[in-house]
Structures are given as structure tokens and as C-alpha cells.
Amino acid sequence: MKNTNQLKELVQVARDGAEFYEQAGGQVQDAQLRGLFAQMAAAKRELINGLSASIAASGEDVPHGGTLVGSLQKAYGQVRAAVARNENRAWVAQLEDAEDRLLEHMRRAIRETDDPSVLGQLEAYLPRVRDCHEQMRALKQRLAA
């Protein structure tokens, strides 16, 4: 049950991220950013699909929504981008925060799981989660310069 709850939480946090990237992609004018945001959303959807299959296989219900924190983060991101002098920088900063959140949840789940198959699955997804985080961190730093 504990492992399934961790997977459910990761699905919700990843869904927050996917929806946030989709929202941001619909708001930015820069075609490169829209493309990057679409790639990031796709990576989150891949994680969601993989973890959802494991949750369903355990006989549990897969969560279909995100988290309250994620909803608040998306709303704050939209307001911040609307009033920012550099809308792209504002979106990227908020999306990098969402990446921080997902990476932290992933690391915690890896530390706390006691199921070798769950651990293997999480470790298989970890490099992509890290890569997405690093891409957004680097982009945030470039835009801040």
C-alpha cells in the first residue's frame, strides 16, 4: 500500500507538471519554447502512463487529477507571467519550480520504497526526470542572464 501511495503521488505531481507545461505552451509566443514545453509535457505523460500501469496492475485506482499545490502553482504562474516584464522568463522560472517538485518526490519515493520492482521502475524513470529538471534549470539561468 505504501508503495502504491508513493506511485499515486508521483502520478499526481507529474500530471501537475504536464498540465502546467501545456498551459504555458498555449501562452508563450516563442515557437522554440512551445516545442520544448510540448516535449516536457510528453515526458511527464510518459511517466504518468508507466506509473499508472503499475498502480492499475496492483488493483488500485489511478488518480486522474493533480494536486492542490500543483493547481495553485499553475494559477500563480499564469498571474506572474501576465504581470512580468519578461513573460518567457516568468513561465520558465515557474516550470523549473515544478521540475524541482517532481524530482524531489521521485527521490523521496526511491529512498522510501521497499518493493524492488517499484524501485527498479522509479530508477528507470529517474534519468529522464533529472534531464528535464536540468534542461529547465539551464534555460532559467540563460534567460536570467
N, C-alpha and C. Protein backbone atom coordinates (compact mmCIF):
# COMPACT_ATOMS: atom_id res chain seq x y z
N MET A 1 0.83 -1.21 0.00
CA MET A 1 0.00 0.00 0.00
C MET A 1 0.86 1.25 0.00
N LYS A 2 1.91 1.26 0.83
CA LYS A 2 2.79 2.42 0.91
C LYS A 2 3.41 2.71 -0.46
N ASN A 3 3.88 1.65 -1.14
CA ASN A 3 4.49 1.84 -2.45
C ASN A 3 3.48 2.36 -3.47
N THR A 4 2.27 1.84 -3.43
CA THR A 4 1.23 2.30 -4.35
C THR A 4 0.89 3.76 -4.07
N ASN A 5 0.84 4.14 -2.82
CA ASN A 5 0.57 5.54 -2.48
C ASN A 5 1.67 6.46 -3.01
N GLN A 6 2.92 6.00 -2.95
CA GLN A 6 4.02 6.79 -3.49
C GLN A 6 3.86 6.96 -5.01
N LEU A 7 3.47 5.87 -5.67
CA LEU A 7 3.27 5.94 -7.12
C LEU A 7 2.11 6.88 -7.46
N LYS A 8 1.04 6.78 -6.68
CA LYS A 8 -0.10 7.67 -6.91
C LYS A 8 0.31 9.13 -6.75
N GLU A 9 1.07 9.42 -5.74
CA GLU A 9 1.52 10.79 -5.51
C GLU A 9 2.40 11.26 -6.67
N LEU A 10 3.29 10.40 -7.15
CA LEU A 10 4.13 10.77 -8.29
C LEU A 10 3.29 11.01 -9.55
N VAL A 11 2.27 10.20 -9.75
CA VAL A 11 1.38 10.41 -10.89
C VAL A 11 0.72 11.78 -10.79
N GLN A 12 0.26 12.12 -9.62
CA GLN A 12 -0.40 13.42 -9.44
C GLN A 12 0.56 14.58 -9.67
N VAL A 13 1.76 14.48 -9.13
CA VAL A 13 2.75 15.55 -9.29
C VAL A 13 3.18 15.66 -10.75
N ALA A 14 3.37 14.51 -11.42
CA ALA A 14 3.72 14.53 -12.84
C ALA A 14 2.57 15.11 -13.67
N ARG A 15 1.34 14.80 -13.30
CA ARG A 15 0.18 15.37 -14.01
C ARG A 15 0.15 16.89 -13.82
N ASP A 16 0.45 17.35 -12.61
CA ASP A 16 0.56 18.80 -12.39
C ASP A 16 1.54 19.41 -13.40
N GLY A 17 2.70 18.77 -13.52
CA GLY A 17 3.73 19.28 -14.41
C GLY A 17 3.29 19.26 -15.86
N ALA A 18 2.70 18.16 -16.30
CA ALA A 18 2.25 18.05 -17.70
C ALA A 18 1.23 19.13 -18.02
N GLU A 19 0.27 19.30 -17.13
CA GLU A 19 -0.77 20.31 -17.36
C GLU A 19 -0.18 21.72 -17.35
N PHE A 20 0.79 21.95 -16.48
CA PHE A 20 1.42 23.26 -16.39
C PHE A 20 2.20 23.56 -17.68
N TYR A 21 2.94 22.58 -18.19
CA TYR A 21 3.65 22.77 -19.45
C TYR A 21 2.68 23.03 -20.59
N GLU A 22 1.57 22.30 -20.61
CA GLU A 22 0.58 22.52 -21.66
C GLU A 22 -0.03 23.91 -21.57
N GLN A 23 -0.30 24.35 -20.35
CA GLN A 23 -0.83 25.70 -20.14
C GLN A 23 0.18 26.74 -20.64
N ALA A 24 1.43 26.59 -20.22
CA ALA A 24 2.46 27.55 -20.61
C ALA A 24 2.67 27.54 -22.12
N GLY A 25 2.65 26.36 -22.72
CA GLY A 25 2.83 26.25 -24.16
C GLY A 25 1.75 26.99 -24.94
N GLY A 26 0.57 27.06 -24.36
CA GLY A 26 -0.52 27.79 -25.00
C GLY A 26 -0.44 29.29 -24.80
N GLN A 27 0.45 29.72 -23.93
CA GLN A 27 0.55 31.15 -23.61
C GLN A 27 1.76 31.84 -24.23
N VAL A 28 2.86 31.12 -24.39
CA VAL A 28 4.08 31.76 -24.90
C VAL A 28 4.01 31.93 -26.42
N GLN A 29 4.66 32.96 -26.91
CA GLN A 29 4.68 33.24 -28.35
C GLN A 29 5.87 32.57 -29.04
N ASP A 30 6.92 32.31 -28.29
CA ASP A 30 8.16 31.76 -28.84
C ASP A 30 7.96 30.30 -29.27
N ALA A 31 8.18 30.03 -30.55
CA ALA A 31 7.96 28.68 -31.08
C ALA A 31 8.91 27.65 -30.46
N GLN A 32 10.14 28.04 -30.19
CA GLN A 32 11.09 27.11 -29.57
C GLN A 32 10.63 26.73 -28.17
N LEU A 33 10.16 27.71 -27.42
CA LEU A 33 9.66 27.40 -26.08
C LEU A 33 8.43 26.51 -26.15
N ARG A 34 7.53 26.80 -27.07
CA ARG A 34 6.34 25.96 -27.22
C ARG A 34 6.75 24.52 -27.51
N GLY A 35 7.74 24.34 -28.38
CA GLY A 35 8.22 23.00 -28.70
C GLY A 35 8.84 22.31 -27.49
N LEU A 36 9.67 23.06 -26.76
CA LEU A 36 10.28 22.50 -25.55
C LEU A 36 9.22 22.14 -24.52
N PHE A 37 8.26 23.02 -24.32
CA PHE A 37 7.21 22.75 -23.34
C PHE A 37 6.40 21.51 -23.75
N ALA A 38 6.17 21.33 -25.04
CA ALA A 38 5.46 20.14 -25.51
C ALA A 38 6.27 18.87 -25.23
N GLN A 39 7.59 18.95 -25.43
CA GLN A 39 8.45 17.80 -25.13
C GLN A 39 8.42 17.47 -23.64
N MET A 40 8.47 18.50 -22.83
CA MET A 40 8.45 18.29 -21.38
C MET A 40 7.12 17.69 -20.93
N ALA A 41 6.03 18.19 -21.49
CA ALA A 41 4.72 17.63 -21.16
C ALA A 41 4.65 16.16 -21.57
N ALA A 42 5.22 15.84 -22.74
CA ALA A 42 5.22 14.45 -23.20
C ALA A 42 6.02 13.55 -22.27
N ALA A 43 7.13 14.06 -21.75
CA ALA A 43 7.93 13.28 -20.81
C ALA A 43 7.13 13.00 -19.53
N LYS A 44 6.37 13.99 -19.09
CA LYS A 44 5.55 13.79 -17.89
C LYS A 44 4.44 12.77 -18.18
N ARG A 45 3.86 12.84 -19.37
CA ARG A 45 2.79 11.90 -19.74
C ARG A 45 3.34 10.47 -19.81
N GLU A 46 4.56 10.33 -20.28
CA GLU A 46 5.19 9.00 -20.33
C GLU A 46 5.34 8.45 -18.91
N LEU A 47 5.79 9.27 -18.00
CA LEU A 47 5.93 8.86 -16.60
C LEU A 47 4.56 8.50 -16.02
N ILE A 48 3.58 9.34 -16.28
CA ILE A 48 2.22 9.09 -15.78
C ILE A 48 1.71 7.74 -16.29
N ASN A 49 1.86 7.50 -17.59
CA ASN A 49 1.37 6.26 -18.18
C ASN A 49 2.06 5.03 -17.59
N GLY A 50 3.37 5.11 -17.44
CA GLY A 50 4.11 3.98 -16.89
C GLY A 50 3.74 3.68 -15.45
N LEU A 51 3.69 4.71 -14.63
CA LEU A 51 3.35 4.51 -13.22
C LEU A 51 1.88 4.12 -13.06
N SER A 52 1.02 4.67 -13.91
CA SER A 52 -0.41 4.32 -13.85
C SER A 52 -0.63 2.85 -14.13
N ALA A 53 0.13 2.31 -15.07
CA ALA A 53 0.01 0.88 -15.38
C ALA A 53 0.37 0.03 -14.16
N SER A 54 1.39 0.44 -13.44
CA SER A 54 1.79 -0.29 -12.23
C SER A 54 0.73 -0.18 -11.14
N ILE A 55 0.16 0.99 -11.00
CA ILE A 55 -0.89 1.19 -9.99
C ILE A 55 -2.09 0.31 -10.33
N ALA A 56 -2.51 0.34 -11.57
CA ALA A 56 -3.66 -0.45 -12.00
C ALA A 56 -3.38 -1.95 -11.84
N ALA A 57 -2.16 -2.37 -12.14
CA ALA A 57 -1.80 -3.79 -12.01
C ALA A 57 -1.88 -4.25 -10.56
N SER A 58 -1.71 -3.33 -9.63
CA SER A 58 -1.79 -3.69 -8.20
C SER A 58 -3.24 -3.71 -7.72
N GLY A 59 -4.17 -3.37 -8.62
CA GLY A 59 -5.59 -3.39 -8.25
C GLY A 59 -6.10 -2.10 -7.66
N GLU A 60 -5.26 -1.08 -7.66
CA GLU A 60 -5.65 0.22 -7.10
C GLU A 60 -6.18 1.13 -8.20
N ASP A 61 -6.92 2.14 -7.79
CA ASP A 61 -7.42 3.14 -8.73
C ASP A 61 -6.32 4.17 -9.02
N VAL A 62 -6.19 4.52 -10.27
CA VAL A 62 -5.21 5.51 -10.70
C VAL A 62 -5.81 6.90 -10.49
N PRO A 63 -5.09 7.80 -9.85
CA PRO A 63 -5.60 9.16 -9.69
C PRO A 63 -5.69 9.86 -11.04
N HIS A 64 -6.77 10.58 -11.27
CA HIS A 64 -6.97 11.24 -12.55
C HIS A 64 -6.79 12.74 -12.46
N GLY A 65 -6.46 13.25 -11.31
CA GLY A 65 -6.25 14.68 -11.14
C GLY A 65 -4.85 14.94 -10.60
N GLY A 66 -4.56 16.21 -10.47
CA GLY A 66 -3.29 16.61 -9.90
C GLY A 66 -3.43 16.88 -8.42
N THR A 67 -2.60 17.77 -7.92
CA THR A 67 -2.60 18.10 -6.50
C THR A 67 -3.06 19.55 -6.32
N LEU A 68 -3.45 19.87 -5.11
CA LEU A 68 -3.82 21.25 -4.79
C LEU A 68 -2.61 22.17 -4.96
N VAL A 69 -1.46 21.72 -4.52
CA VAL A 69 -0.24 22.53 -4.66
C VAL A 69 0.02 22.81 -6.14
N GLY A 70 -0.14 21.79 -6.96
CA GLY A 70 0.07 21.98 -8.40
C GLY A 70 -0.91 22.96 -9.00
N SER A 71 -2.16 22.90 -8.59
CA SER A 71 -3.17 23.83 -9.10
C SER A 71 -2.83 25.26 -8.70
N LEU A 72 -2.41 25.43 -7.47
CA LEU A 72 -2.02 26.76 -7.01
C LEU A 72 -0.79 27.26 -7.76
N GLN A 73 0.15 26.36 -8.01
CA GLN A 73 1.38 26.73 -8.71
C GLN A 73 1.05 27.18 -10.14
N LYS A 74 0.15 26.47 -10.81
CA LYS A 74 -0.24 26.86 -12.17
C LYS A 74 -0.92 28.23 -12.18
N ALA A 75 -1.82 28.45 -11.23
CA ALA A 75 -2.52 29.73 -11.16
C ALA A 75 -1.54 30.86 -10.88
N TYR A 76 -0.62 30.65 -9.95
CA TYR A 76 0.39 31.65 -9.64
C TYR A 76 1.27 31.92 -10.86
N GLY A 77 1.63 30.86 -11.58
CA GLY A 77 2.46 31.01 -12.77
C GLY A 77 1.79 31.86 -13.82
N GLN A 78 0.50 31.66 -14.00
CA GLN A 78 -0.22 32.44 -15.00
C GLN A 78 -0.29 33.91 -14.61
N VAL A 79 -0.56 34.18 -13.34
CA VAL A 79 -0.62 35.57 -12.88
C VAL A 79 0.76 36.21 -12.98
N ARG A 80 1.77 35.49 -12.56
CA ARG A 80 3.13 36.03 -12.59
C ARG A 80 3.56 36.34 -14.02
N ALA A 81 3.25 35.45 -14.95
CA ALA A 81 3.61 35.68 -16.35
C ALA A 81 2.86 36.88 -16.93
N ALA A 82 1.62 37.05 -16.51
CA ALA A 82 0.80 38.14 -17.03
C ALA A 82 1.34 39.51 -16.62
N VAL A 83 1.95 39.60 -15.46
CA VAL A 83 2.44 40.90 -14.98
C VAL A 83 3.95 41.07 -15.15
N ALA A 84 4.61 40.04 -15.62
CA ALA A 84 6.08 40.09 -15.75
C ALA A 84 6.50 40.91 -16.96
N ARG A 85 7.66 41.53 -16.84
CA ARG A 85 8.23 42.23 -17.98
C ARG A 85 8.70 41.23 -19.03
N ASN A 86 9.20 40.08 -18.58
CA ASN A 86 9.64 39.04 -19.49
C ASN A 86 8.79 37.80 -19.22
N GLU A 87 7.74 37.65 -20.01
CA GLU A 87 6.80 36.56 -19.80
C GLU A 87 7.48 35.19 -19.91
N ASN A 88 8.37 35.03 -20.87
CA ASN A 88 9.06 33.74 -21.04
C ASN A 88 9.86 33.38 -19.79
N ARG A 89 10.57 34.35 -19.27
CA ARG A 89 11.37 34.11 -18.06
C ARG A 89 10.47 33.70 -16.89
N ALA A 90 9.32 34.35 -16.77
CA ALA A 90 8.40 34.03 -15.68
C ALA A 90 7.87 32.60 -15.82
N TRP A 91 7.46 32.20 -17.03
CA TRP A 91 6.98 30.83 -17.22
C TRP A 91 8.07 29.82 -16.91
N VAL A 92 9.26 30.07 -17.42
CA VAL A 92 10.36 29.12 -17.23
C VAL A 92 10.70 28.99 -15.75
N ALA A 93 10.71 30.09 -15.02
CA ALA A 93 11.01 30.03 -13.59
C ALA A 93 9.99 29.17 -12.84
N GLN A 94 8.73 29.35 -13.18
CA GLN A 94 7.68 28.56 -12.51
C GLN A 94 7.75 27.09 -12.91
N LEU A 95 8.05 26.83 -14.18
CA LEU A 95 8.15 25.44 -14.63
C LEU A 95 9.37 24.76 -14.01
N GLU A 96 10.43 25.51 -13.81
CA GLU A 96 11.60 24.92 -13.15
C GLU A 96 11.26 24.56 -11.71
N ASP A 97 10.43 25.36 -11.06
CA ASP A 97 9.96 25.01 -9.71
C ASP A 97 9.16 23.72 -9.74
N ALA A 98 8.34 23.53 -10.77
CA ALA A 98 7.57 22.29 -10.90
C ALA A 98 8.51 21.10 -11.11
N GLU A 99 9.58 21.32 -11.85
CA GLU A 99 10.58 20.25 -12.04
C GLU A 99 11.26 19.91 -10.71
N ASP A 100 11.57 20.93 -9.93
CA ASP A 100 12.16 20.70 -8.60
C ASP A 100 11.24 19.81 -7.77
N ARG A 101 9.98 20.12 -7.81
CA ARG A 101 8.98 19.39 -7.02
C ARG A 101 8.89 17.93 -7.45
N LEU A 102 8.85 17.69 -8.75
CA LEU A 102 8.77 16.31 -9.24
C LEU A 102 10.04 15.54 -8.89
N LEU A 103 11.19 16.15 -9.08
CA LEU A 103 12.45 15.47 -8.78
C LEU A 103 12.54 15.13 -7.30
N GLU A 104 12.12 16.03 -6.44
CA GLU A 104 12.15 15.75 -5.00
C GLU A 104 11.21 14.61 -4.64
N HIS A 105 10.01 14.59 -5.22
CA HIS A 105 9.08 13.50 -4.95
C HIS A 105 9.63 12.17 -5.45
N MET A 106 10.28 12.20 -6.60
CA MET A 106 10.88 10.98 -7.16
C MET A 106 12.00 10.47 -6.25
N ARG A 107 12.87 11.36 -5.82
CA ARG A 107 13.97 10.96 -4.93
C ARG A 107 13.44 10.39 -3.62
N ARG A 108 12.42 11.03 -3.07
CA ARG A 108 11.84 10.54 -1.81
C ARG A 108 11.22 9.15 -2.01
N ALA A 109 10.51 8.96 -3.09
CA ALA A 109 9.90 7.65 -3.35
C ALA A 109 10.97 6.58 -3.50
N ILE A 110 12.07 6.91 -4.14
CA ILE A 110 13.17 5.94 -4.30
C ILE A 110 13.77 5.60 -2.94
N ARG A 111 13.95 6.61 -2.10
CA ARG A 111 14.51 6.36 -0.76
C ARG A 111 13.59 5.51 0.09
N GLU A 112 12.29 5.72 -0.04
CA GLU A 112 11.34 5.12 0.90
C GLU A 112 10.72 3.80 0.43
N THR A 113 10.84 3.47 -0.84
CA THR A 113 10.19 2.25 -1.30
C THR A 113 10.86 1.01 -0.75
N ASP A 114 10.04 0.00 -0.49
CA ASP A 114 10.57 -1.27 -0.01
C ASP A 114 10.26 -2.40 -0.99
N ASP A 115 9.79 -2.04 -2.17
CA ASP A 115 9.44 -3.02 -3.20
C ASP A 115 10.48 -2.93 -4.32
N PRO A 116 11.25 -4.00 -4.53
CA PRO A 116 12.30 -3.96 -5.56
C PRO A 116 11.78 -3.65 -6.97
N SER A 117 10.58 -4.12 -7.32
CA SER A 117 10.07 -3.83 -8.66
C SER A 117 9.70 -2.36 -8.80
N VAL A 118 9.14 -1.76 -7.74
CA VAL A 118 8.83 -0.33 -7.76
C VAL A 118 10.13 0.47 -7.83
N LEU A 119 11.11 0.07 -7.05
CA LEU A 119 12.40 0.75 -7.06
C LEU A 119 13.01 0.71 -8.46
N GLY A 120 12.97 -0.45 -9.10
CA GLY A 120 13.51 -0.57 -10.45
C GLY A 120 12.81 0.34 -11.43
N GLN A 121 11.49 0.42 -11.32
CA GLN A 121 10.72 1.28 -12.21
C GLN A 121 11.07 2.75 -11.98
N LEU A 122 11.14 3.14 -10.71
CA LEU A 122 11.47 4.54 -10.41
C LEU A 122 12.87 4.89 -10.87
N GLU A 123 13.80 3.99 -10.66
CA GLU A 123 15.18 4.24 -11.09
C GLU A 123 15.28 4.31 -12.62
N ALA A 124 14.42 3.59 -13.32
CA ALA A 124 14.42 3.65 -14.78
C ALA A 124 13.94 5.02 -15.29
N TYR A 125 13.00 5.62 -14.57
CA TYR A 125 12.48 6.93 -14.98
C TYR A 125 13.34 8.09 -14.47
N LEU A 126 14.13 7.87 -13.44
CA LEU A 126 14.90 8.95 -12.82
C LEU A 126 15.80 9.72 -13.79
N PRO A 127 16.54 9.07 -14.70
CA PRO A 127 17.39 9.86 -15.59
C PRO A 127 16.60 10.86 -16.44
N ARG A 128 15.43 10.49 -16.91
CA ARG A 128 14.62 11.42 -17.72
C ARG A 128 14.10 12.55 -16.85
N VAL A 129 13.70 12.25 -15.63
CA VAL A 129 13.22 13.29 -14.72
C VAL A 129 14.36 14.27 -14.43
N ARG A 130 15.55 13.74 -14.18
CA ARG A 130 16.71 14.60 -13.95
C ARG A 130 17.03 15.46 -15.18
N ASP A 131 16.97 14.83 -16.36
CA ASP A 131 17.27 15.54 -17.60
C ASP A 131 16.31 16.71 -17.81
N CYS A 132 15.03 16.48 -17.60
CA CYS A 132 14.04 17.56 -17.73
C CYS A 132 14.34 18.67 -16.74
N HIS A 133 14.65 18.30 -15.52
CA HIS A 133 14.98 19.29 -14.49
C HIS A 133 16.18 20.12 -14.92
N GLU A 134 17.22 19.45 -15.40
CA GLU A 134 18.44 20.16 -15.79
C GLU A 134 18.20 21.08 -16.98
N GLN A 135 17.38 20.63 -17.94
CA GLN A 135 17.07 21.49 -19.09
C GLN A 135 16.38 22.77 -18.65
N MET A 136 15.42 22.65 -17.76
CA MET A 136 14.70 23.84 -17.32
C MET A 136 15.57 24.73 -16.44
N ARG A 137 16.42 24.13 -15.63
CA ARG A 137 17.32 24.92 -14.79
C ARG A 137 18.28 25.72 -15.67
N ALA A 138 18.84 25.06 -16.69
CA ALA A 138 19.77 25.74 -17.59
C ALA A 138 19.06 26.83 -18.38
N LEU A 139 17.86 26.58 -18.83
CA LEU A 139 17.10 27.59 -19.56
C LEU A 139 16.78 28.79 -18.65
N LYS A 140 16.43 28.51 -17.43
CA LYS A 140 16.14 29.59 -16.48
C LYS A 140 17.39 30.45 -16.27
N GLN A 141 18.54 29.82 -16.15
CA GLN A 141 19.77 30.56 -15.97
C GLN A 141 20.13 31.39 -17.20
N ARG A 142 19.90 30.82 -18.40
CA ARG A 142 20.18 31.57 -19.64
C ARG A 142 19.27 32.78 -19.77
N LEU A 143 18.01 32.62 -19.45
CA LEU A 143 17.06 33.73 -19.56
C LEU A 143 17.31 34.81 -18.52
N ALA A 144 17.90 34.42 -17.40
CA ALA A 144 18.17 35.39 -16.33
C ALA A 144 19.39 36.24 -16.64
N ALA A 145 20.24 35.75 -17.53
CA ALA A 145 21.50 36.47 -17.84
C ALA A 145 21.27 37.65 -18.74
